[in-house]
Amino acid sequence: MAINLHIPARDAIFPVAGIRIGTAEAGIRKAGRRDLTVLLLDADTSVAGVFTRNRFRAAPVQVCEAHLAGGQNIRALVINTGNANAGTGASGLQASHDTCQALADALQLQPQQILPFSTGVILEPLPVDRLIAALPAALADVQPDHWFEAAHSIMTTDTQPKIHSQQLDLGGTTVTITGISKGAGMIRPNMATMLGYLATDAGLAPALLQALTRQIADQSFNRITVDGDTSTNDSFIIMATGASGVRIESAQDPRYAPLAQALTDAARDLAQKIVRDAEGATKFMTIQVEQATNTQEALKIAYAIAHSPLVKTAFYASDPNLGRILAAIGYAGVDDLDVSRLTLWLGDVQVATQGGRDPNYREEDGQRIMAQPEILVRVALGRGDVTDTVYTCDFSHDYVSINADYRS
């Protein structure tokens, strides 16, 4: 059950000039569903990406990194679901290269101009022959307005498609931003187990776009967690076609800041939608740590709370067993933390102060907040002026069932 996840109406999903999208049924894992997606990019589109830090990086991740580093003009993306092509060794790398070669041949491009992506079951060979055989159907399906279809095609255990679309005025020119993402389990920063694709018809210099992509990832997809697992295939791509006529070469351009903010907001929305549709989730939780001395300290404490199975199951049960939050704060690794200066709020209810239970706190007030579908947990450390935020969810019986039956 997705938690307050907004899916825009079709007429509110704006095509991005310079990008066409097609989907097809390849039968990668299950028959009768569209599991192959291609995105075709106009020439001179700037493309940047950030990827998982898992040492078992999937074959397509390795190929994407190499192709982006090669400096050639990226002209197409190809995405399959149902099989991660991870833990597949040399044969998996060859499958990714064969995919790129096949799509490049169809488009009269070089294979280094193709970025491949996979998501699904790890440690199983990719049925690359089925993937390649379905490429003509995907190419025959390409249209500028197929973002909605693509959002469905890249889903795995997701129950809802994740889409964001908006337009903004940039120096008198209307600029479009549209993106999709997928992910529901194995969600943790660096990055979350997810695929995210964000596009704009504004133009950005390649080096500027790469720096911005890393910055945006840190403020969005690297601020979500479901279960603390970092996957093998995580990828976040931003594409800037320049088809609107807007071209930004430096961060000093007055149009850069509003565009960067809009892209960050779009990525944050796509990231939060992953948590809202997390496997078995019934509560969306915002963990905000304030008055920290630095970002690292704030995130240590936020993630300790967000990853705690005891905290997450208490929230699922709407049980205000809030000592579990204090325990998580205490073992987060901030060794010189003075707990006597700490304050804890649950929504608008002050739970703890000066390291102990607030004298005015009543358990029925805590239970009232925990029964809500969206919950804010605020922790003030009394140490500095840094604030950071992590988004997470509860653990339910369904989380266990979904992951126990994942390959069924």
Protein backbone atom coordinates (compact mmCIF):
# COMPACT_ATOMS: atom_id res chain seq x y z
CA MET A 1 0.00 0.00 0.00
CA ALA A 2 1.70 3.18 -1.19
CA ILE A 3 1.62 6.04 1.33
CA ASN A 4 0.25 9.27 -0.14
CA LEU A 5 2.08 8.67 -3.42
CA HIS A 6 0.95 11.15 -6.07
CA ILE A 7 0.84 9.89 -9.66
CA PRO A 8 0.34 12.79 -12.07
CA ALA A 9 -2.42 12.57 -14.65
CA ARG A 10 -1.24 11.84 -18.19
CA ASP A 11 -1.94 15.40 -19.32
CA ALA A 12 0.29 16.66 -16.48
CA ILE A 13 3.30 14.60 -17.67
CA PHE A 14 5.22 16.89 -20.01
CA PRO A 15 7.37 15.35 -22.77
CA VAL A 16 10.96 16.56 -22.80
CA ALA A 17 11.96 17.84 -26.23
CA GLY A 18 14.92 15.85 -27.49
CA ILE A 19 13.91 12.52 -25.87
CA ARG A 20 11.76 9.67 -27.24
CA ILE A 21 10.83 6.55 -25.29
CA GLY A 22 9.68 3.07 -26.26
CA THR A 23 8.85 -0.11 -24.33
CA ALA A 24 8.41 -3.76 -25.25
CA GLU A 25 7.86 -7.26 -23.86
CA ALA A 26 11.15 -9.16 -23.82
CA GLY A 27 10.16 -11.97 -21.43
CA ILE A 28 13.27 -11.40 -19.33
CA ARG A 29 11.69 -13.09 -16.31
CA LYS A 30 7.92 -13.17 -16.72
CA ALA A 31 5.82 -13.25 -19.86
CA GLY A 32 3.09 -10.76 -20.62
CA ARG A 33 4.64 -7.61 -19.21
CA ARG A 34 6.66 -4.78 -20.70
CA ASP A 35 10.13 -5.20 -19.23
CA LEU A 36 12.34 -3.45 -21.79
CA THR A 37 12.65 0.32 -22.20
CA VAL A 38 14.72 2.43 -24.57
CA LEU A 39 15.29 6.18 -24.40
CA LEU A 40 16.61 7.88 -27.53
CA LEU A 41 18.42 11.19 -27.04
CA ASP A 42 19.02 13.94 -29.57
CA ALA A 43 22.60 14.71 -30.48
CA ASP A 44 24.47 17.02 -28.09
CA THR A 45 22.39 15.99 -25.08
CA SER A 46 24.53 16.21 -21.94
CA VAL A 47 24.31 13.08 -19.78
CA ALA A 48 25.69 12.53 -16.27
CA GLY A 49 25.27 9.76 -13.73
CA VAL A 50 26.11 8.47 -10.29
CA PHE A 51 26.08 4.81 -9.37
CA THR A 52 26.13 2.31 -6.52
CA ARG A 53 29.16 2.07 -4.24
CA ASN A 54 28.57 -1.64 -3.73
CA ARG A 55 31.81 -3.48 -4.60
CA PHE A 56 29.71 -6.08 -6.47
CA ARG A 57 28.68 -3.47 -9.03
CA ALA A 58 26.52 -5.06 -11.70
CA ALA A 59 27.85 -5.48 -15.23
CA PRO A 60 25.67 -2.70 -16.70
CA VAL A 61 26.86 -0.30 -14.00
CA GLN A 62 30.47 -0.99 -14.96
CA VAL A 63 29.68 -0.48 -18.64
CA CYS A 64 27.78 2.75 -17.96
CA GLU A 65 30.67 4.15 -15.95
CA ALA A 66 33.13 3.30 -18.73
CA HIS A 67 30.96 4.77 -21.48
CA LEU A 68 30.32 8.00 -19.57
CA ALA A 69 34.03 8.33 -18.81
CA GLY A 70 34.83 7.84 -22.50
CA GLY A 71 33.46 11.26 -23.34
CA GLN A 72 31.39 10.21 -26.37
CA ASN A 73 28.00 11.76 -27.00
CA ILE A 74 25.48 9.43 -25.29
CA ARG A 75 22.54 8.85 -27.64
CA ALA A 76 20.46 6.06 -26.05
CA LEU A 77 19.64 4.24 -22.82
CA VAL A 78 18.36 0.66 -22.62
CA ILE A 79 16.78 -0.69 -19.43
CA ASN A 80 15.63 -4.20 -18.59
CA THR A 81 13.80 -5.45 -15.51
CA GLY A 82 13.52 -8.99 -14.14
CA ASN A 83 17.27 -9.68 -14.11
CA ALA A 84 19.99 -7.54 -12.52
CA ASN A 85 22.90 -8.99 -14.53
CA ALA A 86 24.88 -8.75 -11.29
CA GLY A 87 27.21 -11.37 -9.88
CA THR A 88 27.49 -12.72 -13.42
CA GLY A 89 31.23 -12.27 -14.05
CA ALA A 90 32.76 -11.99 -17.51
CA SER A 91 29.67 -13.40 -19.24
CA GLY A 92 27.54 -10.67 -17.65
CA LEU A 93 29.88 -7.98 -18.92
CA GLN A 94 29.73 -9.51 -22.38
CA ALA A 95 25.93 -9.50 -22.23
CA SER A 96 25.91 -5.77 -21.45
CA HIS A 97 28.37 -5.10 -24.28
CA ASP A 98 26.27 -7.22 -26.66
CA THR A 99 23.18 -5.22 -25.68
CA CYS A 100 24.94 -1.95 -26.44
CA GLN A 101 26.25 -3.29 -29.74
CA ALA A 102 22.83 -4.49 -30.85
CA LEU A 103 21.13 -1.18 -30.08
CA ALA A 104 24.01 0.78 -31.61
CA ASP A 105 23.73 -1.26 -34.82
CA ALA A 106 19.99 -0.55 -34.99
CA LEU A 107 20.56 3.18 -34.53
CA GLN A 108 23.79 3.46 -36.58
CA LEU A 109 25.74 4.57 -33.52
CA GLN A 110 28.84 3.42 -31.68
CA PRO A 111 28.26 1.02 -28.74
CA GLN A 112 30.04 3.52 -26.46
CA GLN A 113 27.12 5.88 -27.09
CA ILE A 114 24.70 3.50 -25.34
CA LEU A 115 24.10 3.21 -21.58
CA PRO A 116 22.68 -0.15 -20.37
CA PHE A 117 20.75 -0.67 -17.12
CA SER A 118 19.36 -3.79 -15.45
CA THR A 119 17.33 -4.46 -12.32
CA GLY A 120 15.92 -7.63 -10.80
CA VAL A 121 17.31 -10.92 -9.49
CA ILE A 122 21.06 -11.08 -8.73
CA LEU A 123 23.36 -14.02 -9.57
CA GLU A 124 21.36 -15.24 -12.57
CA PRO A 125 22.53 -15.04 -16.21
CA LEU A 126 20.82 -12.33 -18.25
CA PRO A 127 18.81 -13.85 -21.14
CA VAL A 128 20.43 -11.37 -23.50
CA ASP A 129 19.10 -13.08 -26.65
CA ARG A 130 15.53 -12.32 -25.54
CA LEU A 131 16.49 -8.73 -24.73
CA ILE A 132 18.12 -8.16 -28.13
CA ALA A 133 15.22 -9.81 -29.95
CA ALA A 134 12.80 -7.32 -28.36
CA LEU A 135 14.80 -4.20 -29.26
CA PRO A 136 13.07 -3.69 -32.66
CA ALA A 137 9.65 -3.67 -30.95
CA ALA A 138 10.84 -1.14 -28.39
CA LEU A 139 12.27 1.08 -31.13
CA ALA A 140 9.05 0.85 -33.12
CA ASP A 141 7.19 2.08 -30.02
CA VAL A 142 9.24 5.26 -29.41
CA GLN A 143 7.22 8.41 -28.78
CA PRO A 144 8.01 11.64 -26.91
CA ASP A 145 5.08 11.12 -24.52
CA HIS A 146 5.81 7.56 -23.31
CA TRP A 147 7.10 8.52 -19.86
CA PHE A 148 4.07 6.93 -18.18
CA GLU A 149 4.68 3.64 -20.00
CA ALA A 150 8.38 3.75 -19.11
CA ALA A 151 7.60 4.32 -15.43
CA HIS A 152 5.59 1.09 -15.45
CA SER A 153 8.11 -0.84 -17.53
CA ILE A 154 11.00 -0.30 -15.11
CA MET A 155 9.05 -1.49 -12.04
CA THR A 156 10.01 -4.65 -10.12
CA THR A 157 8.38 -5.07 -6.68
CA ASP A 158 7.01 -1.52 -6.94
CA THR A 159 3.24 -1.31 -6.62
CA GLN A 160 2.99 2.16 -8.22
CA PRO A 161 4.90 4.02 -10.94
CA LYS A 162 7.05 6.94 -9.80
CA ILE A 163 6.79 10.00 -12.04
CA HIS A 164 7.54 13.69 -11.61
CA SER A 165 6.87 16.37 -14.20
CA GLN A 166 6.88 20.16 -14.10
CA GLN A 167 7.56 23.27 -16.11
CA LEU A 168 9.19 26.51 -15.01
CA ASP A 169 10.01 29.88 -16.46
CA LEU A 170 13.74 30.33 -16.89
CA GLY A 171 14.67 33.79 -18.07
CA GLY A 172 11.52 34.08 -20.16
CA THR A 173 11.71 30.56 -21.63
CA THR A 174 9.53 27.66 -20.51
CA VAL A 175 11.70 24.72 -19.44
CA THR A 176 10.44 21.19 -18.81
CA ILE A 177 11.64 18.69 -16.18
CA THR A 178 10.29 15.13 -16.22
CA GLY A 179 11.62 12.02 -14.52
CA ILE A 180 10.85 8.48 -13.40
CA SER A 181 12.29 6.16 -10.76
CA LYS A 182 11.84 2.64 -9.44
CA GLY A 183 12.68 0.92 -6.19
CA ALA A 184 10.91 -0.63 -3.21
CA GLY A 185 13.38 -2.81 -1.27
CA MET A 186 17.15 -3.05 -0.68
CA ILE A 187 16.99 0.70 -0.12
CA ARG A 188 19.87 2.45 1.54
CA PRO A 189 22.10 5.42 0.71
CA ASN A 190 25.19 5.21 -1.50
CA MET A 191 22.82 4.79 -3.33
CA ALA A 192 19.39 3.35 -2.73
CA THR A 193 18.52 0.24 -4.76
CA MET A 194 16.90 2.19 -7.45
CA LEU A 195 16.95 3.42 -10.98
CA GLY A 196 16.28 7.10 -11.50
CA TYR A 197 16.11 9.04 -14.76
CA LEU A 198 15.59 12.80 -14.79
CA ALA A 199 15.48 14.89 -17.96
CA THR A 200 15.23 18.55 -18.88
CA ASP A 201 15.14 20.41 -22.16
CA ALA A 202 17.47 23.03 -20.69
CA GLY A 203 21.09 22.70 -21.75
CA LEU A 204 23.92 22.28 -19.25
CA ALA A 205 27.64 22.00 -19.94
CA PRO A 206 28.74 18.38 -19.32
CA ALA A 207 31.14 19.12 -16.45
CA LEU A 208 28.57 21.35 -14.79
CA LEU A 209 25.89 18.68 -15.14
CA GLN A 210 28.10 15.97 -13.63
CA ALA A 211 28.85 18.08 -10.54
CA LEU A 212 25.18 18.97 -10.21
CA THR A 213 24.11 15.33 -10.54
CA ARG A 214 26.32 14.31 -7.62
CA GLN A 215 25.01 17.22 -5.56
CA ILE A 216 21.40 16.35 -6.35
CA ALA A 217 21.91 12.65 -5.54
CA ASP A 218 23.26 13.58 -2.11
CA GLN A 219 20.14 15.63 -1.39
CA SER A 220 17.64 13.08 -2.68
CA PHE A 221 18.41 9.43 -3.41
CA ASN A 222 21.21 9.40 -0.83
CA ARG A 223 18.77 10.56 1.84
CA ILE A 224 16.36 7.62 1.70
CA THR A 225 16.49 4.20 3.31
CA VAL A 226 14.09 1.30 3.73
CA ASP A 227 16.10 -1.62 5.05
CA GLY A 228 19.75 -0.57 5.11
CA ASP A 229 20.81 -2.72 2.12
CA THR A 230 22.83 -1.18 -0.69
CA SER A 231 22.10 -2.86 -4.02
CA THR A 232 24.40 -3.74 -6.92
CA ASN A 233 22.62 -1.83 -9.69
CA ASP A 234 21.77 1.62 -8.33
CA SER A 235 21.92 4.29 -11.01
CA PHE A 236 20.79 7.91 -11.23
CA ILE A 237 21.00 9.68 -14.58
CA ILE A 238 20.28 13.28 -15.56
CA MET A 239 19.86 14.21 -19.22
CA ALA A 240 19.89 17.83 -20.45
CA THR A 241 18.91 18.08 -24.11
CA GLY A 242 19.13 21.85 -24.63
CA ALA A 243 16.14 21.66 -27.00
CA SER A 244 14.41 24.58 -25.25
CA GLY A 245 17.16 26.92 -26.45
CA VAL A 246 18.36 27.56 -22.89
CA ARG A 247 22.07 26.80 -22.54
CA ILE A 248 23.89 27.22 -19.22
CA GLU A 249 27.69 27.02 -19.22
CA SER A 250 28.53 27.98 -15.63
CA ALA A 251 27.08 28.12 -12.14
CA GLN A 252 27.35 31.91 -12.31
CA ASP A 253 24.60 32.08 -14.93
CA PRO A 254 21.56 33.57 -13.10
CA ARG A 255 19.40 30.80 -14.56
CA TYR A 256 21.51 28.05 -13.00
CA ALA A 257 20.33 28.34 -9.37
CA PRO A 258 16.58 28.09 -10.11
CA LEU A 259 17.15 25.21 -12.52
CA ALA A 260 19.37 23.38 -10.03
CA GLN A 261 16.76 23.84 -7.31
CA ALA A 262 13.95 22.58 -9.55
CA LEU A 263 15.98 19.50 -10.53
CA THR A 264 16.82 18.85 -6.86
CA ASP A 265 13.14 19.13 -5.89
CA ALA A 266 12.19 16.75 -8.69
CA ALA A 267 14.80 14.17 -7.63
CA ARG A 268 13.76 14.48 -3.98
CA ASP A 269 10.14 13.83 -4.96
CA LEU A 270 11.15 10.74 -6.98
CA ALA A 271 13.29 9.52 -4.08
CA GLN A 272 10.52 10.01 -1.52
CA LYS A 273 8.11 8.14 -3.79
CA ILE A 274 10.39 5.12 -3.53
CA VAL A 275 10.02 5.18 0.26
CA ARG A 276 6.28 5.82 0.02
CA ASP A 277 5.99 2.64 -2.07
CA ALA A 278 8.52 0.61 -0.09
CA GLU A 279 7.89 -3.10 0.32
CA GLY A 280 5.12 -3.54 2.86
CA ALA A 281 5.34 0.04 4.15
CA THR A 282 2.39 1.59 6.01
CA LYS A 283 4.12 4.69 7.48
CA PHE A 284 6.31 7.35 5.83
CA MET A 285 8.79 8.74 8.37
CA THR A 286 10.94 11.86 8.21
CA ILE A 287 13.93 11.74 10.56
CA GLN A 288 15.29 15.25 11.11
CA VAL A 289 18.40 15.78 13.22
CA GLU A 290 19.07 19.36 14.29
CA GLN A 291 21.81 21.23 16.18
CA ALA A 292 24.55 18.83 15.05
CA THR A 293 28.16 19.90 14.69
CA ASN A 294 28.39 18.61 11.09
CA THR A 295 26.49 16.70 8.41
CA GLN A 296 28.25 13.40 9.10
CA GLU A 297 27.17 13.49 12.73
CA ALA A 298 23.58 14.35 11.85
CA LEU A 299 23.38 11.52 9.32
CA LYS A 300 24.91 8.97 11.69
CA ILE A 301 22.11 9.57 14.14
CA ALA A 302 19.36 9.87 11.51
CA TYR A 303 20.35 6.57 9.89
CA ALA A 304 20.72 4.79 13.23
CA ILE A 305 17.07 5.63 13.93
CA ALA A 306 15.92 4.91 10.38
CA HIS A 307 17.66 1.51 10.20
CA SER A 308 16.64 0.19 13.61
CA PRO A 309 14.27 -2.80 13.18
CA LEU A 310 13.00 -2.15 16.71
CA VAL A 311 12.09 1.45 15.87
CA LYS A 312 10.54 0.47 12.53
CA THR A 313 8.39 -2.31 13.97
CA ALA A 314 7.22 -0.06 16.81
CA PHE A 315 6.07 2.49 14.25
CA TYR A 316 4.27 -0.22 12.29
CA ALA A 317 2.35 -1.18 15.45
CA SER A 318 1.74 2.48 16.41
CA ASP A 319 3.36 1.55 19.71
CA PRO A 320 5.02 4.60 21.35
CA ASN A 321 7.92 2.52 22.69
CA LEU A 322 10.09 5.57 22.11
CA GLY A 323 12.99 4.48 24.27
CA ARG A 324 14.03 2.56 21.17
CA ILE A 325 14.74 5.88 19.44
CA LEU A 326 16.93 7.02 22.33
CA ALA A 327 18.81 3.72 22.21
CA ALA A 328 19.47 4.14 18.49
CA ILE A 329 20.75 7.68 19.04
CA GLY A 330 23.05 6.36 21.75
CA TYR A 331 24.71 3.71 19.59
CA ALA A 332 24.96 5.83 16.43
CA GLY A 333 28.68 6.38 16.93
CA VAL A 334 28.81 9.98 18.18
CA ASP A 335 31.09 9.08 21.05
CA ASP A 336 31.17 12.49 22.75
CA LEU A 337 27.40 13.05 22.58
CA ASP A 338 26.10 14.76 25.72
CA VAL A 339 22.66 13.19 26.08
CA SER A 340 21.70 15.69 28.79
CA ARG A 341 21.42 18.33 26.05
CA LEU A 342 19.21 16.24 23.76
CA THR A 343 15.55 16.92 22.95
CA LEU A 344 13.25 14.54 21.06
CA TRP A 345 9.93 15.33 19.39
CA LEU A 346 7.41 13.05 17.75
CA GLY A 347 5.40 15.33 15.48
CA ASP A 348 4.35 18.23 17.71
CA VAL A 349 4.79 16.21 20.90
CA GLN A 350 7.93 16.73 22.98
CA VAL A 351 8.92 13.28 24.21
CA ALA A 352 12.31 13.70 25.86
CA THR A 353 14.35 16.60 27.19
CA GLN A 354 17.67 16.87 28.99
CA GLY A 355 18.30 13.19 28.30
CA GLY A 356 15.10 11.90 29.92
CA ARG A 357 11.35 11.68 29.51
CA ASP A 358 9.69 15.07 29.23
CA PRO A 359 7.60 15.60 32.39
CA ASN A 360 4.60 16.68 30.30
CA TYR A 361 4.74 13.76 27.87
CA ARG A 362 1.74 11.44 27.82
CA GLU A 363 1.79 8.10 26.02
CA GLU A 364 -1.60 8.71 24.42
CA ASP A 365 -0.11 11.79 22.71
CA GLY A 366 2.70 9.65 21.27
CA GLN A 367 0.23 7.02 20.14
CA ARG A 368 -1.88 9.67 18.40
CA ILE A 369 1.11 10.72 16.30
CA MET A 370 2.27 7.18 15.57
CA ALA A 371 -1.15 6.22 14.20
CA GLN A 372 -0.75 8.75 11.39
CA PRO A 373 0.51 7.66 7.94
CA GLU A 374 3.20 10.38 7.86
CA ILE A 375 5.34 11.02 10.92
CA LEU A 376 8.08 13.52 11.73
CA VAL A 377 10.78 12.55 14.23
CA ARG A 378 12.92 15.51 15.33
CA VAL A 379 16.10 15.22 17.37
CA ALA A 380 17.92 18.32 18.64
CA LEU A 381 21.45 17.52 19.82
CA GLY A 382 22.33 20.90 21.34
CA ARG A 383 25.82 20.81 19.79
CA GLY A 384 25.82 23.05 16.72
CA ASP A 385 23.78 24.54 13.89
CA VAL A 386 23.71 21.77 11.23
CA THR A 387 20.43 20.09 10.24
CA ASP A 388 19.99 17.07 7.97
CA THR A 389 17.09 14.81 7.07
CA VAL A 390 16.56 11.18 6.12
CA TYR A 391 13.34 9.61 4.82
CA THR A 392 12.34 6.07 5.76
CA CYS A 393 9.38 3.81 6.52
CA ASP A 394 8.18 1.17 8.96
CA PHE A 395 8.62 -2.61 8.79
CA SER A 396 5.48 -4.69 8.40
CA HIS A 397 4.64 -8.39 8.03
CA ASP A 398 4.34 -7.77 4.30
CA TYR A 399 8.00 -6.72 4.02
CA VAL A 400 9.04 -10.20 5.14
CA SER A 401 6.49 -11.90 2.86
CA ILE A 402 7.48 -9.90 -0.23
CA ASN A 403 11.19 -10.64 0.20
CA ALA A 404 10.61 -14.26 1.13
CA ASP A 405 8.67 -14.75 -2.09
CA TYR A 406 10.72 -12.42 -4.32
CA ARG A 407 11.83 -15.12 -6.78
CA SER A 408 8.50 -16.99 -6.82
